[in-house]
Protein backbone atom coordinates (compact mmCIF):
# COMPACT_ATOMS: atom_id res chain seq x y z
CA MET A 1 -11.67 -4.94 -73.47
CA PHE A 2 -8.48 -5.88 -71.57
CA ALA A 3 -5.17 -7.25 -72.84
CA ASN A 4 -4.69 -10.93 -71.98
CA ASN A 5 -8.15 -10.78 -70.31
CA GLU A 6 -6.41 -9.37 -67.24
CA ILE A 7 -8.31 -6.73 -65.27
CA PRO A 8 -6.21 -3.85 -63.81
CA VAL A 9 -5.16 -4.13 -60.19
CA ILE A 10 -6.55 -1.23 -58.12
CA PRO A 11 -4.89 -0.88 -54.70
CA ASP A 12 -7.25 1.83 -53.39
CA GLN A 13 -10.63 0.24 -52.69
CA ASN A 14 -11.74 3.38 -50.81
CA LEU A 15 -12.81 4.83 -54.17
CA LYS A 16 -15.91 2.59 -54.09
CA PRO A 17 -15.12 0.88 -57.41
CA ARG A 18 -17.97 -0.51 -59.48
CA ALA A 19 -17.60 -2.18 -62.90
CA LEU A 20 -19.85 -1.12 -65.78
CA CYS A 21 -19.92 -2.87 -69.14
CA TYR A 22 -20.91 -1.19 -72.41
CA SER A 23 -20.96 -2.56 -75.93
CA GLU A 24 -17.57 -1.14 -76.97
CA PHE A 25 -15.88 -0.05 -73.74
CA ALA A 26 -15.67 -0.95 -70.06
CA ILE A 27 -15.58 1.37 -67.06
CA LEU A 28 -14.43 0.99 -63.49
CA HIS A 29 -16.43 3.75 -61.83
CA SER A 30 -15.76 5.43 -58.49
CA GLY A 31 -18.73 6.09 -56.26
CA LYS A 32 -16.54 8.45 -54.27
CA SER A 33 -15.27 10.72 -57.09
CA ARG A 34 -18.42 10.11 -59.20
CA THR A 35 -16.17 9.72 -62.23
CA PRO A 36 -14.48 6.77 -63.89
CA ILE A 37 -11.30 5.41 -62.32
CA TYR A 38 -10.42 4.17 -65.80
CA VAL A 39 -12.14 3.39 -69.10
CA ALA A 40 -10.86 0.53 -71.26
CA GLN A 41 -11.26 -0.02 -75.00
CA ARG A 42 -10.09 -2.61 -77.52
CA LEU A 43 -9.75 -0.81 -80.85
CA ASN A 44 -8.64 -1.57 -84.37
CA LYS A 45 -8.73 0.04 -87.79
CA GLY A 46 -12.17 -1.33 -88.62
CA ILE A 47 -13.69 0.25 -85.52
CA VAL A 48 -11.91 3.59 -85.74
CA GLU A 49 -12.65 4.22 -89.40
CA GLU A 50 -16.42 4.00 -88.81
CA LYS A 51 -18.02 7.46 -88.85
CA ILE A 52 -21.09 7.60 -86.62
CA PRO A 53 -23.00 10.88 -86.14
CA ARG A 54 -22.32 12.36 -82.70
CA SER A 55 -25.41 12.14 -80.48
CA ASN A 56 -24.51 14.70 -77.74
CA ARG A 57 -27.17 13.27 -75.41
CA PHE A 58 -25.49 13.18 -72.00
CA PHE A 59 -27.25 11.19 -69.26
CA ALA A 60 -26.78 9.95 -65.72
CA ASP A 61 -26.32 6.17 -65.74
CA ALA A 62 -29.22 4.61 -63.82
CA ARG A 63 -27.20 1.44 -63.16
CA LEU A 64 -25.24 3.40 -60.55
CA PRO A 65 -26.75 4.06 -57.12
CA GLN A 66 -28.03 7.62 -56.96
CA SER A 67 -25.56 8.43 -54.18
CA GLU A 68 -22.60 7.40 -56.39
CA ARG A 69 -23.35 9.08 -59.70
CA ALA A 70 -22.97 12.50 -61.25
CA THR A 71 -25.95 14.32 -62.72
CA LEU A 72 -26.42 16.79 -65.55
CA GLU A 73 -27.08 19.49 -62.95
CA ASP A 74 -23.59 18.98 -61.46
CA TYR A 75 -22.02 20.15 -64.72
CA HIS A 76 -24.57 22.90 -65.45
CA GLN A 77 -22.90 26.33 -65.12
CA SER A 78 -19.84 24.68 -63.55
CA GLY A 79 -17.46 26.22 -66.08
CA MET A 80 -16.17 22.73 -66.88
CA ASP A 81 -16.53 20.59 -70.01
CA ARG A 82 -17.95 17.10 -69.81
CA GLY A 83 -14.78 15.32 -70.95
CA HIS A 84 -15.06 11.85 -72.51
CA MET A 85 -12.60 9.17 -71.44
CA ALA A 86 -13.76 6.75 -74.15
CA PRO A 87 -14.04 9.26 -77.03
CA ALA A 88 -17.30 9.52 -78.97
CA ALA A 89 -15.19 9.56 -82.14
CA ASN A 90 -14.02 5.99 -81.36
CA MET A 91 -17.53 4.56 -81.48
CA ALA A 92 -18.52 2.27 -84.37
CA THR A 93 -22.27 1.90 -83.77
CA GLU A 94 -25.17 4.18 -82.87
CA GLU A 95 -25.63 2.20 -79.65
CA SER A 96 -22.05 2.70 -78.49
CA MET A 97 -22.18 6.35 -79.55
CA ASP A 98 -25.20 6.88 -77.28
CA GLN A 99 -23.52 4.94 -74.46
CA SER A 100 -20.37 7.08 -74.63
CA PHE A 101 -22.40 10.05 -73.32
CA SER A 102 -23.04 8.32 -69.99
CA LEU A 103 -21.73 10.58 -67.22
CA ALA A 104 -19.96 7.47 -65.90
CA ASN A 105 -17.61 7.96 -68.89
CA ILE A 106 -17.11 11.67 -68.15
CA VAL A 107 -14.80 13.80 -66.00
CA PRO A 108 -14.88 17.57 -65.32
CA GLN A 109 -12.33 18.97 -67.76
CA TYR A 110 -11.20 22.49 -68.54
CA SER A 111 -12.59 23.49 -71.91
CA VAL A 112 -9.37 24.40 -73.78
CA ASN A 113 -7.76 21.24 -72.41
CA ASN A 114 -10.65 19.09 -73.59
CA ARG A 115 -11.04 20.62 -77.04
CA LYS A 116 -7.39 21.11 -77.96
CA SER A 117 -4.68 19.25 -76.01
CA TRP A 118 -6.71 16.17 -75.04
CA ALA A 119 -8.43 16.08 -78.43
CA GLY A 120 -4.98 16.08 -80.04
CA ILE A 121 -3.98 13.04 -77.97
CA GLU A 122 -7.16 11.27 -79.04
CA ARG A 123 -6.48 12.03 -82.72
CA ALA A 124 -2.87 10.83 -82.44
CA THR A 125 -4.07 7.59 -80.85
CA ARG A 126 -6.58 6.98 -83.64
CA LYS A 127 -3.91 7.65 -86.26
CA TYR A 128 -1.69 5.00 -84.68
CA ILE A 129 -4.58 2.51 -84.53
CA MET A 130 -5.29 3.08 -88.22
CA ARG A 131 -1.72 1.92 -88.94
CA ALA A 132 -1.63 -0.94 -86.44
CA LYS A 133 -1.74 -4.55 -87.65
CA GLY A 134 -4.41 -5.67 -85.18
CA ASP A 135 -6.16 -4.82 -81.92
CA VAL A 136 -4.78 -2.03 -79.74
CA PHE A 137 -5.77 -1.69 -76.09
CA VAL A 138 -6.36 1.82 -74.76
CA ILE A 139 -7.05 2.72 -71.12
CA SER A 140 -7.86 6.31 -70.15
CA GLY A 141 -8.68 7.97 -66.87
CA PRO A 142 -8.32 10.80 -64.37
CA VAL A 143 -5.78 11.29 -61.59
CA PHE A 144 -6.82 13.25 -58.51
CA GLY A 145 -4.84 15.25 -55.99
CA PRO A 146 -5.03 14.69 -52.22
CA ASN A 147 -7.73 17.38 -51.79
CA PRO A 148 -9.60 17.55 -55.11
CA GLN A 149 -11.85 20.45 -56.00
CA THR A 150 -15.44 19.54 -56.87
CA ILE A 151 -18.41 20.70 -58.92
CA GLY A 152 -22.15 20.46 -58.31
CA MET A 153 -24.35 19.34 -55.44
CA ASN A 154 -22.93 15.82 -55.71
CA LYS A 155 -19.38 17.12 -55.40
CA VAL A 156 -17.96 15.51 -58.53
CA TRP A 157 -14.16 15.48 -58.27
CA ILE A 158 -12.08 17.56 -60.69
CA PRO A 159 -8.95 15.64 -61.76
CA ASN A 160 -5.49 17.17 -61.58
CA HIS A 161 -4.24 15.06 -64.49
CA LEU A 162 -5.50 12.81 -67.26
CA PHE A 163 -3.77 9.77 -68.75
CA LYS A 164 -4.16 7.60 -71.83
CA LEU A 165 -2.29 4.28 -72.02
CA VAL A 166 -1.80 2.66 -75.43
CA TYR A 167 -0.68 -0.97 -75.73
CA ASP A 168 -0.09 -2.80 -79.02
CA PRO A 169 0.34 -6.52 -78.24
CA ILE A 170 1.48 -7.38 -81.77
CA THR A 171 4.51 -5.10 -81.65
CA ASN A 172 4.78 -5.30 -77.84
CA ARG A 173 4.87 -1.51 -77.60
CA SER A 174 3.27 0.61 -74.96
CA TRP A 175 3.31 4.27 -74.00
CA ALA A 176 1.16 6.66 -72.04
CA HIS A 177 0.13 10.29 -72.46
CA TRP A 178 0.03 12.35 -69.27
CA LEU A 179 -1.70 15.73 -69.33
CA ASP A 180 -2.36 18.34 -66.66
CA ASN A 181 -6.05 19.25 -66.47
CA THR A 182 -5.58 22.97 -67.09
CA ASN A 183 -6.31 25.29 -69.97
CA GLN A 184 -2.59 26.05 -70.25
CA ALA A 185 -1.47 22.41 -70.51
CA ARG A 186 0.50 21.40 -73.59
CA VAL A 187 1.00 17.83 -74.74
CA GLY A 188 4.45 16.54 -73.80
CA LYS A 189 6.36 13.45 -74.85
CA PRO A 190 4.81 10.12 -73.85
CA ILE A 191 5.90 8.39 -70.68
CA THR A 192 6.43 4.65 -70.28
CA TYR A 193 3.95 2.15 -68.94
CA GLU A 194 6.28 1.59 -66.00
CA GLU A 195 6.21 5.31 -65.17
CA LEU A 196 2.41 5.44 -65.46
CA VAL A 197 2.08 2.58 -62.97
CA ARG A 198 4.45 4.40 -60.60
CA ARG A 199 2.45 7.63 -60.78
CA THR A 200 -1.04 6.13 -60.47
CA GLY A 201 -0.38 3.05 -58.34
CA ILE A 202 -2.54 1.02 -60.75
CA GLU A 203 -1.19 -2.03 -62.57
CA PHE A 204 -3.23 -1.60 -65.74
CA ILE A 205 -1.96 -4.67 -67.60
CA PRO A 206 -0.77 -7.24 -65.04
CA GLY A 207 2.31 -9.11 -66.18
CA LEU A 208 2.82 -6.93 -69.26
CA PRO A 209 6.11 -8.13 -70.89
CA ILE A 210 7.54 -4.85 -72.17
CA SER A 211 10.64 -4.84 -74.37
CA LYS A 212 13.64 -3.13 -72.78
CA HIS A 213 13.48 -0.57 -75.58
CA TYR A 214 10.26 0.68 -74.07
CA LEU A 215 11.16 0.52 -70.39
CA ALA A 216 12.39 3.71 -68.76
CA HIS A 217 14.96 3.72 -66.01
CA THR A 218 15.21 6.51 -63.48
CA GLU A 219 17.94 8.33 -65.40
CA ASP A 220 15.84 8.27 -68.57
CA ILE A 221 13.03 10.33 -67.04
CA GLN A 222 13.83 14.01 -66.80
CA SER A 223 11.86 17.08 -65.74
CA ILE A 224 12.36 20.13 -67.92
CA SER A 225 11.08 23.58 -66.96
CA THR A 226 11.26 26.25 -69.65
CA THR A 227 10.52 29.93 -69.97
CA HIS A 228 10.91 32.21 -72.97
CA GLU A 229 11.77 35.89 -72.58
CA ASN A 230 8.92 37.81 -70.95
CA ASN A 231 6.16 35.48 -72.07
CA THR A 232 4.31 33.47 -69.46
CA ILE A 233 5.22 30.23 -71.21
CA LYS A 234 6.05 28.01 -68.27
CA HIS A 235 5.59 24.30 -68.30
CA VAL A 236 7.09 21.11 -66.93
CA ASP A 237 7.39 18.12 -69.22
CA ILE A 238 8.23 14.59 -68.10
CA TYR A 239 9.61 12.75 -71.08
CA TYR A 240 11.00 9.37 -71.97
CA ASP A 241 14.45 9.39 -73.49
CA ALA A 242 13.57 7.19 -76.46
CA ASP A 243 16.69 8.29 -78.36
CA ARG A 244 19.04 6.66 -75.87
CA ASN A 245 17.11 3.41 -75.81
CA ALA A 246 15.81 2.86 -79.31
CA GLY A 247 17.09 5.65 -81.52
CA PRO A 248 15.10 8.68 -82.66
CA PHE A 249 11.38 7.87 -82.90
CA GLY A 250 12.25 4.25 -82.08
CA LEU A 251 14.37 3.87 -85.23
CA LYS A 252 18.06 3.02 -85.61
CA MET A 253 20.80 3.93 -88.03
CA GLY A 254 21.26 1.41 -90.82
CA GLN A 255 17.82 -0.19 -90.70
CA LYS A 256 16.92 -1.46 -94.17
CA ILE A 257 13.71 -0.78 -96.04
CA ASP A 258 12.33 -4.32 -95.55
CA GLU A 259 12.76 -4.05 -91.78
CA LEU A 260 11.28 -0.56 -91.66
CA ASN A 261 8.26 -1.61 -93.72
CA LYS A 262 7.43 -4.14 -91.02
CA LEU A 263 7.39 -1.38 -88.40
CA MET A 264 5.30 1.18 -90.30
CA ASP A 265 3.65 1.96 -93.61
CA LEU A 266 6.10 3.94 -95.74
CA LYS A 267 5.24 5.96 -98.81
CA GLN A 268 8.06 6.46 -101.29
CA ASN A 269 8.53 9.82 -102.94
CA ASP A 270 8.36 9.39 -106.70
CA THR A 271 10.82 12.23 -107.32
CA ASN A 272 13.63 10.71 -105.25
CA SER A 273 13.98 7.03 -104.43
CA GLY A 274 15.72 7.76 -101.12
CA TRP A 275 12.84 9.71 -99.57
CA TYR A 276 10.04 8.05 -97.61
CA HIS A 277 7.37 9.43 -95.35
CA ALA A 278 4.96 7.99 -92.79
CA THR A 279 2.26 9.21 -90.45
CA THR A 280 3.45 7.04 -87.58
CA VAL A 281 6.69 5.53 -86.26
CA PRO A 282 7.46 2.92 -83.56
CA THR A 283 7.82 5.59 -80.86
CA PRO A 284 5.65 8.53 -81.93
CA TYR A 285 6.02 11.97 -80.42
CA PRO A 286 2.61 13.63 -79.92
CA ASP A 287 3.76 16.97 -81.33
CA PHE A 288 4.50 15.47 -84.76
CA GLU A 289 2.03 14.45 -87.45
CA GLU A 290 4.41 13.36 -90.22
CA TYR A 291 7.81 11.64 -90.35
CA VAL A 292 10.30 11.62 -93.22
CA LEU A 293 13.11 9.07 -93.58
CA SER A 294 16.21 9.01 -95.78
CA ILE A 295 17.02 5.41 -96.68
CA LEU A 296 19.91 4.40 -98.92
CA PRO A 297 20.01 0.91 -100.51
CA GLU A 298 23.30 -0.15 -98.91
CA GLU A 299 23.64 2.09 -95.85
CA GLY A 300 19.99 1.89 -94.79
CA LEU A 301 18.39 4.58 -92.63
CA CYS A 302 20.63 7.65 -92.30
CA ASN A 303 18.29 10.58 -91.54
CA VAL A 304 14.89 10.85 -89.89
CA ALA A 305 12.69 13.89 -89.21
CA GLY A 306 9.48 14.56 -87.33
CA MET A 307 7.24 17.40 -88.53
CA THR A 308 4.43 19.16 -86.72
CA GLY A 309 1.21 20.01 -88.44
CA PRO A 310 0.67 23.65 -89.51
CA LEU A 311 0.64 26.04 -86.53
CA ARG A 312 -1.46 29.10 -87.29
CA THR A 313 0.11 32.39 -86.27
CA ASP A 314 -2.99 34.51 -86.83
CA ASP A 315 -4.83 32.65 -84.04
CA ASP A 316 -2.20 32.38 -81.33
CA LYS A 317 1.35 33.43 -82.08
CA ASN A 318 2.70 31.72 -78.98
CA ILE A 319 1.78 28.17 -80.01
CA PHE A 320 4.79 27.67 -82.29
CA LEU A 321 7.07 29.44 -79.82
CA THR A 322 5.92 27.23 -76.96
CA LYS A 323 6.58 24.07 -78.97
CA PHE A 324 9.95 25.34 -80.19
CA SER A 325 11.05 26.37 -76.68
CA LYS A 326 9.98 23.01 -75.27
CA LEU A 327 11.98 21.09 -77.87
CA GLU A 328 15.01 23.35 -77.50
CA SER A 329 15.09 22.95 -73.70
CA MET A 330 14.58 19.20 -73.90
CA LEU A 331 17.37 18.72 -76.44
CA THR A 332 19.75 21.04 -74.58
CA ALA A 333 19.26 18.97 -71.44
CA LYS A 334 20.03 15.84 -73.44
CA TYR A 335 22.83 16.91 -75.80
CA GLY A 336 24.33 19.99 -74.13
CA MET A 337 24.57 23.53 -75.45
CA PRO A 338 23.74 23.96 -79.15
CA PHE A 339 26.46 24.26 -81.79
CA ILE A 340 24.39 26.84 -83.72
CA ARG A 341 21.56 28.85 -82.24
CA LEU A 342 19.60 31.28 -84.38
CA SER A 343 16.51 31.30 -82.17
CA ASN A 344 17.20 34.32 -79.96
CA LYS A 345 16.33 37.05 -82.43
CA GLU A 346 16.18 40.56 -81.05
CA GLY A 347 13.18 42.85 -81.49
CA GLY A 348 10.17 42.66 -83.73
CA ASN A 349 7.59 39.97 -84.12
CA LEU A 350 9.07 36.48 -84.40
CA ALA A 351 6.20 35.12 -86.47
CA GLU A 352 6.51 37.99 -88.94
CA LYS A 353 10.26 37.39 -89.24
CA ILE A 354 9.72 33.71 -89.95
CA HIS A 355 7.09 34.49 -92.57
CA ALA A 356 9.59 36.90 -94.13
CA GLY A 357 12.02 34.00 -94.66
CA ASP A 358 14.06 34.22 -91.43
CA PRO A 359 13.47 30.82 -89.73
CA LEU A 360 14.31 29.82 -86.17
CA VAL A 361 17.06 27.20 -86.17
CA THR A 362 18.98 25.41 -83.40
CA LEU A 363 21.59 22.73 -84.19
CA TRP A 364 23.47 20.28 -81.98
CA ARG A 365 26.51 18.21 -82.90
CA VAL A 366 26.53 15.02 -80.86
CA LYS A 367 30.05 13.93 -79.93
CA ASP A 368 29.26 10.77 -77.98
CA SER A 369 27.17 9.23 -80.74
CA GLU A 370 27.49 5.66 -79.44
CA SER A 371 25.46 6.70 -76.38
CA PHE A 372 22.72 8.10 -78.55
CA SER A 373 22.18 5.39 -81.18
CA ASN A 374 24.76 6.89 -83.56
CA ILE A 375 23.09 10.31 -83.73
CA SER A 376 25.57 12.82 -85.17
CA THR A 377 23.46 15.98 -85.51
CA VAL A 378 20.11 17.18 -84.20
CA LYS A 379 18.29 20.23 -85.55
CA ILE A 380 15.00 21.96 -84.86
CA LYS A 381 13.68 24.50 -87.31
CA ALA A 382 10.55 26.65 -87.39
CA GLU A 383 9.72 27.94 -90.85
CA SER A 384 6.83 29.43 -92.77
CA ILE A 385 4.72 27.33 -95.13
CA SER A 386 2.05 29.97 -95.82
CA LYS A 387 1.32 33.56 -94.88
CA ASN A 388 -0.21 32.53 -91.56
CA GLU A 389 1.15 29.02 -90.88
CA ILE A 390 4.42 27.85 -89.39
CA VAL A 391 5.73 24.30 -89.07
CA ILE A 392 8.45 22.91 -86.76
CA ASN A 393 10.82 20.14 -87.85
CA LEU A 394 13.00 17.97 -85.59
CA VAL A 395 15.72 16.41 -87.76
CA TYR A 396 18.18 13.68 -86.67
CA GLY A 397 21.30 12.97 -88.71
CA LEU A 398 22.65 9.46 -88.12
CA GLY A 399 26.23 8.24 -88.52
CA ASP A 400 28.73 10.54 -90.25
CA GLY A 401 25.96 11.96 -92.43
CA MET A 402 28.18 12.25 -95.52
CA LYS A 403 26.50 9.52 -97.54
CA CYS A 404 23.11 11.03 -96.75
CA LYS A 405 24.22 14.53 -97.66
CA LYS A 406 22.18 14.64 -100.86
CA LEU A 407 19.15 13.50 -98.92
CA ASN A 408 19.60 15.97 -96.05
CA LEU A 409 16.25 16.64 -94.40
CA VAL A 410 15.84 20.35 -93.90
CA SER A 411 12.29 21.60 -94.27
CA LYS A 412 8.56 21.07 -94.42
CA SER A 413 8.76 21.78 -98.12
CA LEU A 414 10.12 18.25 -98.45
CA LEU A 415 6.83 16.93 -97.15
CA ILE A 416 4.96 19.11 -99.61
CA ASN A 417 7.09 17.60 -102.39
CA LEU A 418 6.34 14.12 -101.11
CA LYS A 419 2.62 14.80 -101.27
CA LYS A 420 2.92 16.53 -104.64
CA PRO A 421 5.24 14.33 -106.74
CA SER A 422 4.80 16.56 -109.78
CA ARG A 423 6.82 19.27 -108.10
CA SER A 424 10.39 18.04 -107.73
CA VAL A 425 13.02 19.17 -105.25
CA ALA A 426 14.99 20.61 -108.17
CA ASP A 427 12.02 22.78 -109.12
CA ARG A 428 12.33 24.65 -105.85
C-alpha cells in the first residue's frame, strides 16, 4: 500500500502505534488516541470504478487490545459522525467494504464536515484516480491538538484537522488536502507534500523525489483571512502558489495539444476546434470540477479556466458567496487590487441579482507577467445557470491575449456548449 515499499517515518512513538493490514488498505493505529494515525491505500481506475453496496456495519476491531480500541458505545449519542479515513466508496470487494467499517479506520468527525467538505475531497481524489495512468498512493489521517477533546468512556480523541495526501508516481506529482474538523470548514487549495510533512512531523513517503514545480518555498505559502460584509464568513486558507511555479492549474502558456494530451484527457468541442475541456488538470483546485482550455494550432495554450459545479442558492445562499470571497481575497493577495470589481453590489439579495442576469465579476490585469508564468489577466465570475443554481469561473488569460480573443473564456455556458455540441456558441 506504500510508494516504493517505504513505510512512513513516525517520530512520536508515544501514540502507541500498531500496524493493521486489511485486504485493500493499511492502518497505523494509535492505542493512545484510539484512532488511526494514518490509513494508506494504493488505488487505480480499476479499483475505484467498482461499485460495491455499502455495508454500514461498524465494528470494534478485535485484533486491537481492548484498552487501545474504540467501541460503538463511544460514538453513540456523541454528536459526532464515524468518519472513514479509507472511504467505503473506494472499496472494490465485499470483503474490503466490510473491513472499511472497522473503528480502527474511523475518527470522530463533525457531521457537516464528514458529509460535505470531506466527502468532496474524497470525490475529487477519485476523479483524479479515474484519469491517472496507473497506481496512485493515498494516505489519510487525523491531526490532534495538544489537549484534544474526547468522546465516550474510552476517551477517543477528536482531531483538530484531517489530511489526505495524494501521490502519483508516474507523473511525480503530489499534493495534500488539509481540512479543519469543524462544521464550518470549507475546502481550500491543496498544500504541498513538503508542507504536510512540516505540519504533521511525519515523513509519509521517505525519499520522495518531488519536482520543483510541486515544492513550495516559504514565500509560496500564504495565509488569507477573509470576511464579507456582516456575514459570519470567516476562514483561513493555506494555499500553494501553483501559478508562480507551474502556471495556472499546473499548465503553461504555449503548451501544444500533444503535450497537453499527455498530462490529461482532453475532450474537443465539436463546434469550435480551439475549445477543449477536462475534468482534471496537473494541479487541480478542489473547488473546481471542470476545466476549459483554449488551444491554438501555432500559439498553443492561451486561456484556461476552472469551473465549480452548480452551487444551489435555494439551499444555502452563502455557499457561492463564501467561495467567491475566498477566491477574491486569495487573488488580491497575489496580484494586487483588482482592475475591475463588480462584486460589491449594494442592497438586495445577491443571489436574486445574479439570477436576474447581474453577475459578480472581479478582474485583474497582471503587469509582471514573467513572474506569473505569462499570465496577463485573471477573472472570477459568479453567474446563474438555472433559477436556483450559480456557478463560479476562474479564468486565466495567458500572453497578450489578442490571438485568443475569439476563444475568450467567459462563462459556464461554454461548458454547457461543450457538453451539448448541437447548440453552438453562435446560437446563444
